[in-house]
Amino acid sequence: MKSAVLEKIDAPLVIGNVELTDLSFGQVLVKVLVSGICGAQLQEIAGYKNNAAFVPHLLGHEGCGIVENVGIGVTKVKKGDKVIMHWRKGDGIESDFPTYIYKGKKIRSGKVTTFSEYSIASENRLTPVPQNTPEDLCALLGCGLSTALGTINDEAQVKFGESVMIIGAGGLGINLIVAATLASAYPIISIDINDNKKKLAETLGAHLYINCKKEKIQESIQKKFGIQDIDVIIDTSGNKKSLEGTIQFLSGTGRYILVGQPRPGESIELHNANHFFLGEGKSLKATQGGKFSPSKDIPRYVRLSKAGILKVDGIITHRMKLEDINKAIDLVRAGQASRILIIM
């Protein structure tokens, strides 16, 4: 099968032929239809995920596919099922890491991967959905959209009319705007350094878009809405200066959620840290996928989409072939795309 392989850290992926092996207990063979590209893959390519010792290996953790075969013990899915492929654990067996053959040698890989024509996945990394569920929605619910919905609903517990600031208008930031809109947040403020993201952010529900390279954030918010602090701030960038510069904007009951991960070994300084004790007490926390629970949450999200309440139009800005995945990754890295779908 054709796959995108990370052979060396901080190098382009190699499009090569990878051979499948027999399924073991709890494993499922999936024909991948589409895959999204998440910022986590950029971190893996850079070696920020403590993965340097495991190259070569396969990448990707959000996608949609069709079950081709199941291993011993699998009961959650069957051949022919359409499935969402996700990195968070759902119901079912936690299988061993899959084995593939690449250039005549055995390689191990994650318990779900999506940058290939086929994937050997652990049963608990798959959730079946109705056959008429759109592939775009399935891929988004593998990580980006589900993380956004969970972050807004579970981690931040956004209340009607609370203000939300989202730092970064990339693939995850755009999804967070959709989730904040669904929660009736107001105002929703999108922060980025690229003017080309303004139109999409506003179309999806942002009430104010600020290019923080050109405008002062607090002045812009005060001028537009007459407020100086924010109830919920969500950082998707992992940027040290961004976090240090915006945490001061929290309201007296403010929640600051870290979705983006700082670089390994990097320290963050909280300036004038006693402001955390103002009001009712503020909080700073990191999230793992917004507490997304695939088996419980995916059916709810699919129903919301079918009812026309959860709308994802516009989130996907590019569609590219597997052969062009390095071009796609460069677009994401340069801030020139939101969510990109790789079509197998």
Protein backbone atom coordinates (compact mmCIF):
# COMPACT_ATOMS: atom_id res chain seq x y z
CA MET A 1 0.00 0.00 0.00
CA LYS A 2 1.05 3.58 -0.56
CA SER A 3 1.96 5.44 2.63
CA ALA A 4 3.58 8.64 3.83
CA VAL A 5 6.49 7.60 6.05
CA LEU A 6 8.51 9.67 8.50
CA GLU A 7 12.00 8.30 7.85
CA LYS A 8 13.99 11.08 9.51
CA ILE A 9 13.15 13.72 12.08
CA ASP A 10 12.64 17.20 10.65
CA ALA A 11 12.61 15.93 7.08
CA PRO A 12 9.86 15.65 4.42
CA LEU A 13 7.71 12.53 4.53
CA VAL A 14 8.58 9.81 2.02
CA ILE A 15 5.82 8.37 -0.15
CA GLY A 16 6.65 4.68 -0.25
CA ASN A 17 5.25 1.17 -0.32
CA VAL A 18 4.44 -0.36 3.06
CA GLU A 19 3.31 -3.97 3.42
CA LEU A 20 0.56 -5.07 5.77
CA THR A 21 0.96 -7.92 8.26
CA ASP A 22 -1.62 -10.29 9.74
CA LEU A 23 -4.05 -8.84 12.25
CA SER A 24 -3.52 -9.72 15.88
CA PHE A 25 -5.97 -9.74 18.79
CA GLY A 26 -8.16 -6.63 18.82
CA GLN A 27 -6.86 -5.18 15.56
CA VAL A 28 -8.88 -3.98 12.58
CA LEU A 29 -7.84 -3.43 8.98
CA VAL A 30 -9.32 -0.21 7.61
CA LYS A 31 -9.31 1.13 4.07
CA VAL A 32 -8.64 4.84 4.60
CA LEU A 33 -10.85 7.18 2.57
CA VAL A 34 -9.73 10.57 3.84
CA SER A 35 -7.40 11.94 6.49
CA GLY A 36 -7.01 15.31 8.13
CA ILE A 37 -3.70 16.91 9.06
CA CYS A 38 -3.33 17.96 12.68
CA GLY A 39 -0.72 20.20 14.26
CA ALA A 40 0.39 17.17 16.27
CA GLN A 41 1.85 15.69 13.08
CA LEU A 42 4.03 18.79 12.66
CA GLN A 43 5.31 18.21 16.17
CA GLU A 44 6.01 14.56 15.39
CA ILE A 45 7.93 15.52 12.27
CA ALA A 46 9.98 17.97 14.36
CA GLY A 47 10.61 15.29 16.99
CA TYR A 48 8.75 17.12 19.75
CA LYS A 49 6.73 14.02 20.72
CA ASN A 50 9.69 11.99 21.99
CA ASN A 51 9.37 9.92 18.83
CA ALA A 52 12.89 10.15 17.39
CA ALA A 53 13.71 6.61 18.54
CA PHE A 54 10.76 5.16 16.64
CA VAL A 55 11.44 6.28 13.05
CA PRO A 56 10.65 5.18 10.45
CA HIS A 57 6.96 5.18 11.29
CA LEU A 58 3.56 6.14 9.95
CA LEU A 59 1.60 9.27 10.87
CA GLY A 60 -1.92 10.68 11.01
CA HIS A 61 -4.61 10.30 13.65
CA GLU A 62 -7.88 11.67 12.28
CA GLY A 63 -9.67 10.06 9.39
CA CYS A 64 -12.55 8.14 7.88
CA GLY A 65 -12.45 4.65 6.45
CA ILE A 66 -14.21 1.38 5.70
CA VAL A 67 -13.51 -1.78 7.70
CA GLU A 68 -11.87 -4.42 5.50
CA ASN A 69 -11.22 -7.14 8.06
CA VAL A 70 -11.24 -7.72 11.81
CA GLY A 71 -8.92 -9.65 14.11
CA ILE A 72 -9.75 -12.08 16.90
CA GLY A 73 -11.88 -10.62 19.67
CA VAL A 74 -13.22 -7.62 17.75
CA THR A 75 -16.96 -7.10 18.26
CA LYS A 76 -17.41 -3.34 18.00
CA VAL A 77 -17.07 -3.16 14.20
CA LYS A 78 -17.48 -5.55 11.28
CA LYS A 79 -16.44 -5.71 7.64
CA GLY A 80 -18.08 -2.97 5.58
CA ASP A 81 -18.67 -0.55 8.47
CA LYS A 82 -17.87 3.12 7.95
CA VAL A 83 -15.70 4.27 10.86
CA ILE A 84 -14.23 7.43 12.32
CA MET A 85 -10.54 6.95 13.10
CA HIS A 86 -9.47 8.81 16.24
CA TRP A 87 -6.47 8.99 18.56
CA ARG A 88 -8.49 9.14 21.77
CA LYS A 89 -9.48 5.81 23.32
CA GLY A 90 -13.08 4.68 22.88
CA ASP A 91 -14.87 1.44 23.68
CA GLY A 92 -13.34 -1.85 22.61
CA ILE A 93 -10.05 -3.69 22.85
CA GLU A 94 -6.76 -1.85 23.34
CA SER A 95 -4.65 -3.90 20.95
CA ASP A 96 -0.89 -4.18 20.67
CA PHE A 97 0.96 -1.74 18.42
CA PRO A 98 0.62 -2.82 14.78
CA THR A 99 3.50 -4.09 12.69
CA TYR A 100 4.20 -3.22 9.05
CA ILE A 101 6.97 -4.12 6.61
CA TYR A 102 8.91 -1.21 5.11
CA LYS A 103 11.93 -1.69 2.86
CA GLY A 104 12.18 -5.31 3.97
CA LYS A 105 12.19 -4.53 7.69
CA LYS A 106 9.51 -4.64 10.36
CA ILE A 107 8.41 -1.29 11.71
CA ARG A 108 5.98 -0.50 14.51
CA SER A 109 3.41 2.25 14.39
CA GLY A 110 0.77 4.03 16.46
CA LYS A 111 -2.52 2.35 17.30
CA VAL A 112 -4.20 4.39 14.61
CA THR A 113 -2.57 5.98 11.57
CA THR A 114 -4.22 7.63 8.60
CA PHE A 115 -1.54 8.82 6.12
CA SER A 116 -1.82 5.61 4.11
CA GLU A 117 -4.21 3.70 1.87
CA TYR A 118 -4.82 1.13 4.61
CA SER A 119 -4.35 1.15 8.36
CA ILE A 120 -4.11 -1.49 11.07
CA ALA A 121 -5.94 0.09 13.99
CA SER A 122 -6.74 -0.86 17.54
CA GLU A 123 -10.47 -1.57 17.97
CA ASN A 124 -10.80 1.23 20.54
CA ARG A 125 -9.50 3.84 18.07
CA LEU A 126 -12.50 3.30 15.77
CA THR A 127 -16.13 4.33 16.12
CA PRO A 128 -18.75 3.13 13.58
CA VAL A 129 -21.13 5.68 12.06
CA PRO A 130 -24.06 5.44 9.62
CA GLN A 131 -22.97 4.90 6.01
CA ASN A 132 -24.45 8.25 4.92
CA THR A 133 -22.31 10.23 7.37
CA PRO A 134 -20.22 12.66 5.28
CA GLU A 135 -16.54 11.77 5.04
CA ASP A 136 -15.56 15.38 5.76
CA LEU A 137 -17.44 15.32 9.06
CA CYS A 138 -15.94 11.94 9.97
CA ALA A 139 -12.39 13.16 9.45
CA LEU A 140 -13.00 16.34 11.44
CA LEU A 141 -14.49 14.36 14.31
CA GLY A 142 -11.35 12.24 14.47
CA CYS A 143 -9.55 15.07 16.25
CA GLY A 144 -9.94 18.74 15.29
CA LEU A 145 -13.67 19.26 15.65
CA SER A 146 -14.13 16.81 18.52
CA THR A 147 -11.26 18.42 20.46
CA ALA A 148 -12.82 21.84 19.89
CA LEU A 149 -16.29 20.76 21.01
CA GLY A 150 -14.91 19.02 24.08
CA THR A 151 -12.70 21.97 25.01
CA ILE A 152 -15.61 24.41 24.85
CA ASN A 153 -18.21 22.14 26.45
CA ASP A 154 -16.24 20.06 28.96
CA GLU A 155 -12.95 21.78 29.78
CA ALA A 156 -14.01 25.44 29.64
CA GLN A 157 -17.70 24.83 30.38
CA VAL A 158 -18.64 27.96 28.44
CA LYS A 159 -21.91 29.53 29.59
CA PHE A 160 -24.34 31.44 27.38
CA GLY A 161 -22.96 34.90 26.65
CA GLU A 162 -19.49 34.32 28.07
CA SER A 163 -16.63 35.86 26.13
CA VAL A 164 -14.18 33.52 24.42
CA MET A 165 -10.79 34.38 22.92
CA ILE A 166 -9.20 31.81 20.61
CA ILE A 167 -5.51 32.23 19.90
CA GLY A 168 -4.62 30.82 16.51
CA ALA A 169 -6.99 30.56 13.55
CA GLY A 170 -5.56 27.39 12.04
CA GLY A 171 -7.24 24.02 11.76
CA LEU A 172 -8.04 23.76 15.47
CA GLY A 173 -8.75 27.45 16.03
CA ILE A 174 -11.35 27.50 13.27
CA ASN A 175 -13.06 24.47 14.81
CA LEU A 176 -13.07 26.23 18.17
CA ILE A 177 -14.92 29.17 16.63
CA VAL A 178 -17.61 26.77 15.41
CA ALA A 179 -17.81 25.16 18.87
CA ALA A 180 -17.96 28.52 20.68
CA THR A 181 -20.75 29.64 18.34
CA LEU A 182 -22.69 26.47 19.12
CA ALA A 183 -22.33 27.31 22.84
CA SER A 184 -23.74 30.84 22.28
CA ALA A 185 -20.53 32.52 23.44
CA TYR A 186 -20.29 36.29 23.03
CA PRO A 187 -18.11 37.85 21.94
CA ILE A 188 -15.94 35.31 20.16
CA ILE A 189 -12.54 36.83 19.43
CA SER A 190 -10.10 35.21 17.02
CA ILE A 191 -6.39 36.07 17.27
CA ASP A 192 -3.80 35.29 14.61
CA ILE A 193 -0.90 36.84 12.70
CA ASN A 194 -2.23 36.27 9.18
CA ASP A 195 -4.73 38.60 7.49
CA ASN A 196 -5.79 35.84 5.10
CA LYS A 197 -7.66 34.04 7.90
CA LYS A 198 -9.90 36.96 8.83
CA LYS A 199 -12.70 36.30 6.35
CA LEU A 200 -13.06 32.62 7.23
CA ALA A 201 -12.95 33.27 10.98
CA GLU A 202 -15.70 35.86 10.70
CA THR A 203 -17.77 33.70 8.36
CA LEU A 204 -17.70 30.84 10.87
CA GLY A 205 -18.79 33.04 13.77
CA ALA A 206 -15.97 35.20 15.14
CA HIS A 207 -17.30 38.61 16.21
CA LEU A 208 -13.82 40.17 16.05
CA TYR A 209 -10.63 39.13 14.29
CA ILE A 210 -7.36 40.66 15.47
CA ASN A 211 -4.01 40.45 13.73
CA CYS A 212 -1.85 40.72 16.85
CA LYS A 213 1.17 41.79 14.80
CA LYS A 214 -0.66 44.92 13.73
CA GLU A 215 -3.13 45.64 16.54
CA LYS A 216 -3.07 45.73 20.32
CA ILE A 217 -5.43 43.05 21.56
CA GLN A 218 -6.84 44.74 24.65
CA GLU A 219 -7.33 48.09 22.92
CA SER A 220 -9.19 46.44 20.05
CA ILE A 221 -11.49 44.53 22.41
CA GLN A 222 -12.22 47.63 24.49
CA LYS A 223 -13.00 49.70 21.40
CA LYS A 224 -15.29 47.08 19.85
CA PHE A 225 -17.14 45.69 22.89
CA GLY A 226 -16.37 48.00 25.81
CA ILE A 227 -14.80 45.19 27.86
CA GLN A 228 -11.26 44.66 29.09
CA ASP A 229 -11.21 41.05 30.24
CA ILE A 230 -12.20 37.66 28.84
CA ASP A 231 -13.99 34.71 30.46
CA VAL A 232 -12.32 31.93 28.47
CA ILE A 233 -9.03 32.05 26.57
CA ILE A 234 -7.96 29.04 24.53
CA ASP A 235 -4.45 28.87 23.11
CA THR A 236 -3.86 26.61 20.11
CA SER A 237 -0.43 27.98 19.21
CA GLY A 238 1.75 26.67 22.03
CA ASN A 239 3.66 29.93 21.63
CA LYS A 240 5.43 31.07 24.80
CA LYS A 241 5.12 34.81 24.13
CA SER A 242 1.47 34.46 23.17
CA LEU A 243 0.57 32.74 26.43
CA GLU A 244 2.58 35.15 28.57
CA GLY A 245 1.02 38.13 26.82
CA THR A 246 -2.63 37.08 26.93
CA ILE A 247 -3.10 35.36 30.27
CA GLN A 248 -3.37 38.80 31.89
CA PHE A 249 -6.69 39.35 30.05
CA LEU A 250 -8.56 36.72 32.11
CA SER A 251 -11.69 37.84 33.96
CA GLY A 252 -12.15 37.19 37.69
CA THR A 253 -13.64 33.77 36.91
CA GLY A 254 -11.48 33.24 33.82
CA ARG A 255 -10.30 29.89 32.47
CA TYR A 256 -7.19 29.65 30.34
CA ILE A 257 -7.02 26.38 28.38
CA LEU A 258 -3.84 25.16 26.71
CA VAL A 259 -4.53 23.07 23.62
CA GLY A 260 -1.33 23.83 21.74
CA GLN A 261 1.81 22.39 23.32
CA PRO A 262 4.94 24.50 24.02
CA ARG A 263 8.24 23.14 22.76
CA PRO A 264 9.94 20.51 24.94
CA GLY A 265 12.05 22.09 27.66
CA GLU A 266 10.49 25.52 27.20
CA SER A 267 9.52 27.53 30.29
CA ILE A 268 6.66 30.00 30.62
CA GLU A 269 6.72 32.97 32.99
CA LEU A 270 3.52 34.27 34.57
CA HIS A 271 3.99 38.03 34.89
CA ASN A 272 2.30 39.74 37.85
CA ALA A 273 1.00 36.31 38.86
CA ASN A 274 -0.99 37.61 41.84
CA HIS A 275 -3.75 38.61 39.38
CA PHE A 276 -4.78 34.93 39.51
CA PHE A 277 -6.22 35.61 42.97
CA LEU A 278 -8.49 38.43 41.83
CA GLY A 279 -12.24 37.85 41.54
CA GLU A 280 -13.38 34.32 42.31
CA GLY A 281 -10.09 32.77 41.26
CA LYS A 282 -8.73 32.08 37.80
CA SER A 283 -7.46 28.82 36.34
CA LEU A 284 -4.80 27.67 33.89
CA LYS A 285 -4.95 24.11 32.60
CA ALA A 286 -3.83 21.90 29.75
CA THR A 287 -6.27 19.63 27.98
CA GLN A 288 -5.93 16.24 26.34
CA GLY A 289 -8.26 16.40 23.37
CA GLY A 290 -10.83 18.46 25.28
CA LYS A 291 -11.75 15.31 27.27
CA PHE A 292 -13.25 13.97 24.02
CA SER A 293 -14.85 10.57 24.63
CA PRO A 294 -15.31 9.01 21.15
CA SER A 295 -17.89 6.33 21.96
CA LYS A 296 -20.10 8.74 23.92
CA ASP A 297 -19.58 11.96 21.97
CA ILE A 298 -19.41 10.95 18.29
CA PRO A 299 -23.03 9.74 18.10
CA ARG A 300 -24.20 13.04 19.64
CA TYR A 301 -22.13 15.10 17.23
CA VAL A 302 -23.34 13.13 14.19
CA ARG A 303 -26.95 13.71 15.27
CA LEU A 304 -26.28 17.44 15.68
CA SER A 305 -24.82 17.55 12.18
CA LYS A 306 -27.73 15.70 10.61
CA ALA A 307 -30.14 18.09 12.33
CA GLY A 308 -28.30 21.05 10.77
CA ILE A 309 -27.22 22.39 14.16
CA LEU A 310 -23.52 21.52 13.91
CA LYS A 311 -22.28 23.05 10.66
CA VAL A 312 -18.81 22.38 9.29
CA ASP A 313 -18.96 24.17 5.94
CA GLY A 314 -15.80 26.18 5.37
CA ILE A 315 -13.59 24.42 7.92
CA ILE A 316 -11.80 22.41 5.22
CA THR A 317 -9.85 24.83 3.05
CA HIS A 318 -7.84 22.42 0.88
CA ARG A 319 -8.17 18.90 -0.53
CA MET A 320 -5.01 17.20 -1.74
CA LYS A 321 -3.73 13.78 -2.77
CA LEU A 322 -1.43 11.64 -0.65
CA GLU A 323 1.39 12.30 -3.12
CA ASP A 324 1.14 16.01 -2.26
CA ILE A 325 1.16 15.61 1.51
CA ASN A 326 4.42 17.51 1.97
CA LYS A 327 2.93 20.48 0.15
CA ALA A 328 -0.08 20.22 2.44
CA ILE A 329 2.12 20.11 5.53
CA ASP A 330 4.04 23.17 4.31
CA LEU A 331 0.75 25.06 3.92
CA VAL A 332 -0.24 24.20 7.50
CA ARG A 333 3.20 25.10 8.82
CA ALA A 334 3.13 28.46 7.02
CA GLY A 335 -0.32 29.32 8.38
CA GLN A 336 -1.83 29.29 4.89
CA ALA A 337 -4.52 26.68 5.56
CA SER A 338 -7.09 25.67 8.13
CA ARG A 339 -7.99 21.98 7.90
CA ILE A 340 -6.61 20.08 4.91
CA LEU A 341 -8.09 16.78 3.80
CA ILE A 342 -5.85 14.18 2.20
CA ILE A 343 -7.90 12.17 -0.28
CA MET A 344 -6.67 8.58 -0.70
